[in-house]
């Protein structure tokens, strides 16, 4: 893989609040709900509705957002390609976690069943 340090740094400094509205538009445009989006985010990060709203209001960076998250033990089961990168091959932990979230949002928007998105056995 190419040197992605600049890319990783850019992702780390991006605020979750700046991307969150795009997630909502993406899933709602495909007939899914904001509540389903929040369920997916909570599954990955452990953040409930109240905490999520606090983080959005505080305009935390992705770095802070994921630093304080309790990443789901099954997150490693999120595989595939997102934005041209194979998720399981991303070396930067933060970038990989952001791509986990991107992949889950994509799966939600594509109409995948919630049990599959949340990697339920």
N, C-alpha and C. Protein backbone atom coordinates (compact mmCIF):
# COMPACT_ATOMS: atom_id res chain seq x y z
N UNK A 1 0.85 -1.19 0.00
CA UNK A 1 0.00 0.00 0.00
C UNK A 1 0.89 1.24 0.00
N UNK A 2 0.42 2.29 -0.65
CA UNK A 2 1.16 3.54 -0.73
C UNK A 2 1.25 4.21 0.63
N UNK A 3 2.14 5.19 0.73
CA UNK A 3 2.25 5.96 1.97
C UNK A 3 0.96 6.76 2.13
N UNK A 4 0.24 6.47 3.17
CA UNK A 4 -1.05 7.13 3.37
C UNK A 4 -1.04 8.04 4.59
N UNK A 5 0.15 8.42 5.08
CA UNK A 5 0.22 9.21 6.30
C UNK A 5 -0.53 10.54 6.18
N UNK A 6 -0.46 11.18 5.01
CA UNK A 6 -1.19 12.44 4.82
C UNK A 6 -2.70 12.18 4.87
N UNK A 7 -3.13 11.12 4.22
CA UNK A 7 -4.53 10.71 4.21
C UNK A 7 -5.00 10.40 5.63
N UNK A 8 -4.21 9.64 6.37
CA UNK A 8 -4.55 9.26 7.75
C UNK A 8 -4.67 10.50 8.63
N UNK A 9 -3.76 11.44 8.44
CA UNK A 9 -3.76 12.67 9.24
C UNK A 9 -5.01 13.50 8.94
N UNK A 10 -5.38 13.57 7.67
CA UNK A 10 -6.57 14.31 7.27
C UNK A 10 -7.82 13.72 7.90
N UNK A 11 -7.93 12.40 7.88
CA UNK A 11 -9.07 11.72 8.49
C UNK A 11 -9.11 12.00 10.00
N UNK A 12 -7.97 11.92 10.66
CA UNK A 12 -7.90 12.13 12.11
C UNK A 12 -8.42 13.51 12.50
N UNK A 13 -8.15 14.53 11.69
CA UNK A 13 -8.52 15.90 12.02
C UNK A 13 -9.92 16.28 11.58
N UNK A 14 -10.54 15.45 10.75
CA UNK A 14 -11.89 15.72 10.29
C UNK A 14 -12.86 15.55 11.46
N UNK A 15 -13.87 16.40 11.53
CA UNK A 15 -14.82 16.27 12.64
C UNK A 15 -15.93 15.29 12.27
N UNK A 16 -16.35 14.54 13.28
CA UNK A 16 -17.47 13.61 13.08
C UNK A 16 -18.72 14.40 12.68
N UNK A 17 -18.92 15.56 13.29
CA UNK A 17 -20.10 16.39 13.01
C UNK A 17 -20.18 16.82 11.55
N UNK A 18 -19.03 16.95 10.88
CA UNK A 18 -19.04 17.37 9.48
C UNK A 18 -19.46 16.23 8.55
N UNK A 19 -19.29 15.00 8.97
CA UNK A 19 -19.61 13.84 8.14
C UNK A 19 -20.98 13.26 8.48
N UNK A 20 -21.37 13.38 9.72
CA UNK A 20 -22.63 12.81 10.21
C UNK A 20 -23.85 13.16 9.35
N UNK A 21 -24.05 14.43 8.95
CA UNK A 21 -25.22 14.74 8.11
C UNK A 21 -25.21 13.97 6.78
N UNK A 22 -24.03 13.71 6.25
CA UNK A 22 -23.92 12.95 5.00
C UNK A 22 -24.35 11.50 5.21
N UNK A 23 -24.01 10.95 6.38
CA UNK A 23 -24.47 9.59 6.71
C UNK A 23 -25.99 9.54 6.74
N UNK A 24 -26.61 10.54 7.38
CA UNK A 24 -28.07 10.58 7.48
C UNK A 24 -28.70 10.65 6.08
N UNK A 25 -28.22 11.56 5.27
CA UNK A 25 -28.76 11.72 3.91
C UNK A 25 -28.61 10.42 3.13
N UNK A 26 -27.45 9.80 3.24
CA UNK A 26 -27.19 8.57 2.49
C UNK A 26 -28.17 7.46 2.87
N UNK A 27 -28.39 7.24 4.15
CA UNK A 27 -29.27 6.14 4.55
C UNK A 27 -30.74 6.49 4.33
N UNK A 28 -31.14 7.73 4.59
CA UNK A 28 -32.54 8.11 4.41
C UNK A 28 -32.94 8.11 2.94
N UNK A 29 -32.01 8.47 2.07
CA UNK A 29 -32.27 8.47 0.63
C UNK A 29 -32.59 7.05 0.15
N UNK A 30 -32.07 6.07 0.86
CA UNK A 30 -32.28 4.66 0.49
C UNK A 30 -33.37 3.99 1.33
N UNK A 31 -34.14 4.81 2.06
CA UNK A 31 -35.28 4.27 2.79
C UNK A 31 -34.98 3.74 4.19
N UNK A 32 -33.78 4.00 4.68
CA UNK A 32 -33.45 3.59 6.05
C UNK A 32 -33.64 4.80 6.97
N UNK A 33 -33.57 4.57 8.28
CA UNK A 33 -33.87 5.64 9.23
C UNK A 33 -32.64 6.11 10.01
N UNK A 34 -32.79 7.29 10.57
CA UNK A 34 -31.77 7.85 11.45
C UNK A 34 -31.58 6.93 12.66
N UNK A 35 -32.66 6.34 13.15
CA UNK A 35 -32.59 5.43 14.29
C UNK A 35 -31.74 4.20 13.95
N UNK A 36 -31.91 3.68 12.73
CA UNK A 36 -31.10 2.54 12.30
C UNK A 36 -29.62 2.94 12.21
N UNK A 37 -29.37 4.14 11.71
CA UNK A 37 -28.00 4.65 11.65
C UNK A 37 -27.41 4.71 13.05
N UNK A 38 -28.17 5.23 14.01
CA UNK A 38 -27.69 5.33 15.39
C UNK A 38 -27.46 3.95 15.99
N UNK A 39 -28.29 2.99 15.63
CA UNK A 39 -28.10 1.62 16.11
C UNK A 39 -26.76 1.06 15.62
N UNK A 40 -26.45 1.33 14.37
CA UNK A 40 -25.19 0.87 13.77
C UNK A 40 -24.00 1.56 14.45
N UNK A 41 -24.10 2.88 14.65
CA UNK A 41 -23.01 3.62 15.30
C UNK A 41 -22.82 3.14 16.73
N UNK A 42 -23.92 2.90 17.43
CA UNK A 42 -23.82 2.42 18.81
C UNK A 42 -23.19 1.03 18.86
N UNK A 43 -23.54 0.17 17.92
CA UNK A 43 -22.97 -1.18 17.88
C UNK A 43 -21.44 -1.08 17.72
N UNK A 44 -20.99 -0.21 16.83
CA UNK A 44 -19.55 -0.10 16.56
C UNK A 44 -18.81 0.60 17.70
N UNK A 45 -19.37 1.68 18.24
CA UNK A 45 -18.62 2.55 19.15
C UNK A 45 -19.03 2.46 20.61
N UNK A 46 -20.24 1.98 20.88
CA UNK A 46 -20.76 1.97 22.24
C UNK A 46 -21.44 3.28 22.62
N UNK A 47 -21.46 4.27 21.73
CA UNK A 47 -22.07 5.56 22.04
C UNK A 47 -23.59 5.49 21.89
N UNK A 48 -24.29 5.83 22.97
CA UNK A 48 -25.75 5.89 22.90
C UNK A 48 -26.16 7.23 22.28
N UNK A 49 -27.45 7.40 22.09
CA UNK A 49 -28.01 8.61 21.46
C UNK A 49 -27.52 9.88 22.15
N UNK A 50 -27.59 9.92 23.48
CA UNK A 50 -27.20 11.12 24.24
C UNK A 50 -25.72 11.45 24.02
N UNK A 51 -24.87 10.46 24.13
CA UNK A 51 -23.43 10.68 23.96
C UNK A 51 -23.12 11.10 22.53
N UNK A 52 -23.78 10.49 21.57
CA UNK A 52 -23.57 10.83 20.17
C UNK A 52 -23.90 12.30 19.93
N UNK A 53 -25.01 12.77 20.48
CA UNK A 53 -25.40 14.18 20.32
C UNK A 53 -24.39 15.12 20.99
N UNK A 54 -23.84 14.71 22.14
CA UNK A 54 -22.81 15.51 22.82
C UNK A 54 -21.57 15.64 21.93
N UNK A 55 -21.14 14.52 21.35
CA UNK A 55 -19.94 14.52 20.51
C UNK A 55 -20.13 15.37 19.25
N UNK A 56 -21.34 15.34 18.71
CA UNK A 56 -21.65 16.16 17.54
C UNK A 56 -21.61 17.64 17.94
N UNK A 57 -22.23 17.98 19.07
CA UNK A 57 -22.25 19.37 19.55
C UNK A 57 -20.84 19.89 19.85
N UNK A 58 -19.99 19.00 20.37
CA UNK A 58 -18.61 19.38 20.70
C UNK A 58 -17.72 19.44 19.47
N UNK A 59 -18.23 18.97 18.33
CA UNK A 59 -17.46 18.94 17.08
C UNK A 59 -16.12 18.23 17.26
N UNK A 60 -16.18 17.03 17.86
CA UNK A 60 -14.95 16.26 18.09
C UNK A 60 -14.40 15.74 16.76
N UNK A 61 -13.10 15.59 16.73
CA UNK A 61 -12.45 15.01 15.55
C UNK A 61 -12.70 13.51 15.55
N UNK A 62 -12.47 12.88 14.39
CA UNK A 62 -12.57 11.43 14.33
C UNK A 62 -11.58 10.79 15.29
N UNK A 63 -10.42 11.44 15.46
CA UNK A 63 -9.42 10.93 16.39
C UNK A 63 -9.98 10.82 17.80
N UNK A 64 -10.61 11.89 18.27
CA UNK A 64 -11.21 11.89 19.61
C UNK A 64 -12.42 10.97 19.66
N UNK A 65 -13.21 10.98 18.61
CA UNK A 65 -14.42 10.16 18.53
C UNK A 65 -14.08 8.68 18.74
N UNK A 66 -13.07 8.19 18.04
CA UNK A 66 -12.73 6.78 18.16
C UNK A 66 -11.81 6.48 19.33
N UNK A 67 -11.04 7.48 19.79
CA UNK A 67 -10.17 7.27 20.95
C UNK A 67 -10.98 6.90 22.18
N UNK A 68 -12.14 7.52 22.33
CA UNK A 68 -12.97 7.30 23.51
C UNK A 68 -14.05 6.23 23.30
N UNK A 69 -14.11 5.67 22.10
CA UNK A 69 -15.13 4.67 21.80
C UNK A 69 -14.75 3.30 22.36
N UNK A 70 -15.78 2.49 22.61
CA UNK A 70 -15.57 1.09 22.99
C UNK A 70 -15.89 0.27 21.74
N UNK A 71 -14.86 0.04 20.94
CA UNK A 71 -15.07 -0.65 19.66
C UNK A 71 -15.59 -2.07 19.89
N UNK A 72 -16.63 -2.42 19.16
CA UNK A 72 -17.25 -3.73 19.29
C UNK A 72 -16.23 -4.83 19.01
N UNK A 73 -16.28 -5.87 19.82
CA UNK A 73 -15.34 -7.00 19.68
C UNK A 73 -15.45 -7.67 18.32
N UNK A 74 -16.58 -7.55 17.66
CA UNK A 74 -16.76 -8.17 16.34
C UNK A 74 -16.46 -7.23 15.18
N UNK A 75 -15.92 -6.07 15.47
CA UNK A 75 -15.62 -5.11 14.40
C UNK A 75 -14.64 -5.69 13.38
N UNK A 76 -13.77 -6.58 13.81
CA UNK A 76 -12.81 -7.19 12.88
C UNK A 76 -13.50 -8.02 11.79
N UNK A 77 -14.78 -8.33 11.99
CA UNK A 77 -15.54 -9.08 10.99
C UNK A 77 -16.00 -8.19 9.84
N UNK A 78 -15.81 -6.88 9.98
CA UNK A 78 -16.17 -5.95 8.90
C UNK A 78 -15.02 -5.98 7.89
N UNK A 79 -15.31 -6.53 6.73
CA UNK A 79 -14.29 -6.68 5.70
C UNK A 79 -14.83 -6.15 4.37
N UNK A 80 -13.96 -6.09 3.40
CA UNK A 80 -14.36 -5.64 2.07
C UNK A 80 -13.63 -4.38 1.67
N UNK A 81 -14.06 -3.80 0.56
CA UNK A 81 -13.40 -2.62 0.02
C UNK A 81 -14.28 -1.40 0.24
N UNK A 82 -13.65 -0.34 0.71
CA UNK A 82 -14.34 0.94 0.88
C UNK A 82 -13.38 2.05 0.45
N UNK A 83 -13.84 2.95 -0.37
CA UNK A 83 -13.01 4.06 -0.89
C UNK A 83 -11.72 3.54 -1.52
N UNK A 84 -11.78 2.37 -2.14
CA UNK A 84 -10.62 1.82 -2.84
C UNK A 84 -9.62 1.09 -1.95
N UNK A 85 -9.91 0.97 -0.67
CA UNK A 85 -9.01 0.28 0.25
C UNK A 85 -9.69 -0.96 0.83
N UNK A 86 -8.95 -2.04 0.92
CA UNK A 86 -9.45 -3.25 1.57
C UNK A 86 -9.33 -3.01 3.07
N UNK A 87 -10.46 -2.99 3.76
CA UNK A 87 -10.52 -2.61 5.17
C UNK A 87 -9.56 -3.41 6.04
N UNK A 88 -9.53 -4.71 5.83
CA UNK A 88 -8.70 -5.55 6.70
C UNK A 88 -7.20 -5.35 6.47
N UNK A 89 -6.82 -4.62 5.42
CA UNK A 89 -5.40 -4.36 5.14
C UNK A 89 -4.96 -2.95 5.56
N UNK A 90 -5.88 -2.14 6.05
CA UNK A 90 -5.53 -0.77 6.47
C UNK A 90 -4.70 -0.87 7.75
N UNK A 91 -3.51 -0.30 7.70
CA UNK A 91 -2.57 -0.42 8.82
C UNK A 91 -2.83 0.59 9.93
N UNK A 92 -3.28 1.78 9.59
CA UNK A 92 -3.54 2.81 10.59
C UNK A 92 -4.85 2.47 11.30
N UNK A 93 -4.79 2.26 12.61
CA UNK A 93 -5.94 1.82 13.39
C UNK A 93 -7.12 2.79 13.28
N UNK A 94 -6.86 4.09 13.40
CA UNK A 94 -7.92 5.08 13.33
C UNK A 94 -8.57 5.08 11.95
N UNK A 95 -7.77 5.09 10.91
CA UNK A 95 -8.32 5.07 9.56
C UNK A 95 -9.16 3.82 9.35
N UNK A 96 -8.70 2.70 9.88
CA UNK A 96 -9.46 1.46 9.75
C UNK A 96 -10.81 1.58 10.47
N UNK A 97 -10.82 2.18 11.65
CA UNK A 97 -12.07 2.33 12.40
C UNK A 97 -13.05 3.26 11.67
N UNK A 98 -12.54 4.34 11.08
CA UNK A 98 -13.39 5.24 10.30
C UNK A 98 -13.97 4.49 9.11
N UNK A 99 -13.14 3.66 8.47
CA UNK A 99 -13.61 2.88 7.32
C UNK A 99 -14.60 1.79 7.74
N UNK A 100 -14.45 1.27 8.97
CA UNK A 100 -15.46 0.35 9.49
C UNK A 100 -16.82 1.05 9.49
N UNK A 101 -16.84 2.26 10.02
CA UNK A 101 -18.08 3.02 10.09
C UNK A 101 -18.62 3.30 8.70
N UNK A 102 -17.76 3.71 7.78
CA UNK A 102 -18.18 3.97 6.40
C UNK A 102 -18.81 2.71 5.79
N UNK A 103 -18.20 1.57 6.02
CA UNK A 103 -18.69 0.30 5.46
C UNK A 103 -20.06 -0.04 6.05
N UNK A 104 -20.23 0.15 7.35
CA UNK A 104 -21.52 -0.13 7.98
C UNK A 104 -22.61 0.78 7.43
N UNK A 105 -22.29 2.04 7.24
CA UNK A 105 -23.25 2.99 6.67
C UNK A 105 -23.62 2.57 5.25
N UNK A 106 -22.62 2.16 4.47
CA UNK A 106 -22.88 1.67 3.11
C UNK A 106 -23.81 0.47 3.12
N UNK A 107 -23.53 -0.48 4.00
CA UNK A 107 -24.35 -1.68 4.08
C UNK A 107 -25.78 -1.33 4.46
N UNK A 108 -25.94 -0.40 5.38
CA UNK A 108 -27.27 0.04 5.79
C UNK A 108 -28.00 0.67 4.60
N UNK A 109 -27.31 1.54 3.89
CA UNK A 109 -27.90 2.22 2.73
C UNK A 109 -28.25 1.24 1.61
N UNK A 110 -27.49 0.17 1.50
CA UNK A 110 -27.74 -0.82 0.44
C UNK A 110 -28.87 -1.78 0.80
N UNK A 111 -29.46 -1.61 1.98
CA UNK A 111 -30.60 -2.43 2.35
C UNK A 111 -30.26 -3.76 2.99
N UNK A 112 -29.02 -3.92 3.42
CA UNK A 112 -28.62 -5.15 4.08
C UNK A 112 -29.39 -5.31 5.39
N UNK A 113 -29.70 -6.54 5.74
CA UNK A 113 -30.43 -6.80 6.98
C UNK A 113 -29.58 -6.40 8.18
N UNK A 114 -30.24 -5.84 9.19
CA UNK A 114 -29.54 -5.35 10.39
C UNK A 114 -28.73 -6.45 11.07
N UNK A 115 -29.23 -7.68 11.10
CA UNK A 115 -28.48 -8.78 11.74
C UNK A 115 -27.13 -9.00 11.04
N UNK A 116 -27.12 -8.83 9.73
CA UNK A 116 -25.87 -9.00 8.97
C UNK A 116 -24.93 -7.82 9.20
N UNK A 117 -25.50 -6.61 9.22
CA UNK A 117 -24.68 -5.41 9.44
C UNK A 117 -24.01 -5.49 10.81
N UNK A 118 -24.78 -5.93 11.82
CA UNK A 118 -24.27 -5.98 13.18
C UNK A 118 -23.52 -7.28 13.50
N UNK A 119 -23.25 -8.04 12.45
CA UNK A 119 -22.45 -9.26 12.56
C UNK A 119 -22.97 -10.18 13.68
N UNK A 120 -24.28 -10.41 13.67
CA UNK A 120 -24.91 -11.30 14.63
C UNK A 120 -24.79 -12.73 14.11
N UNK A 121 -24.35 -13.64 14.98
CA UNK A 121 -24.16 -15.04 14.55
C UNK A 121 -25.48 -15.70 14.25
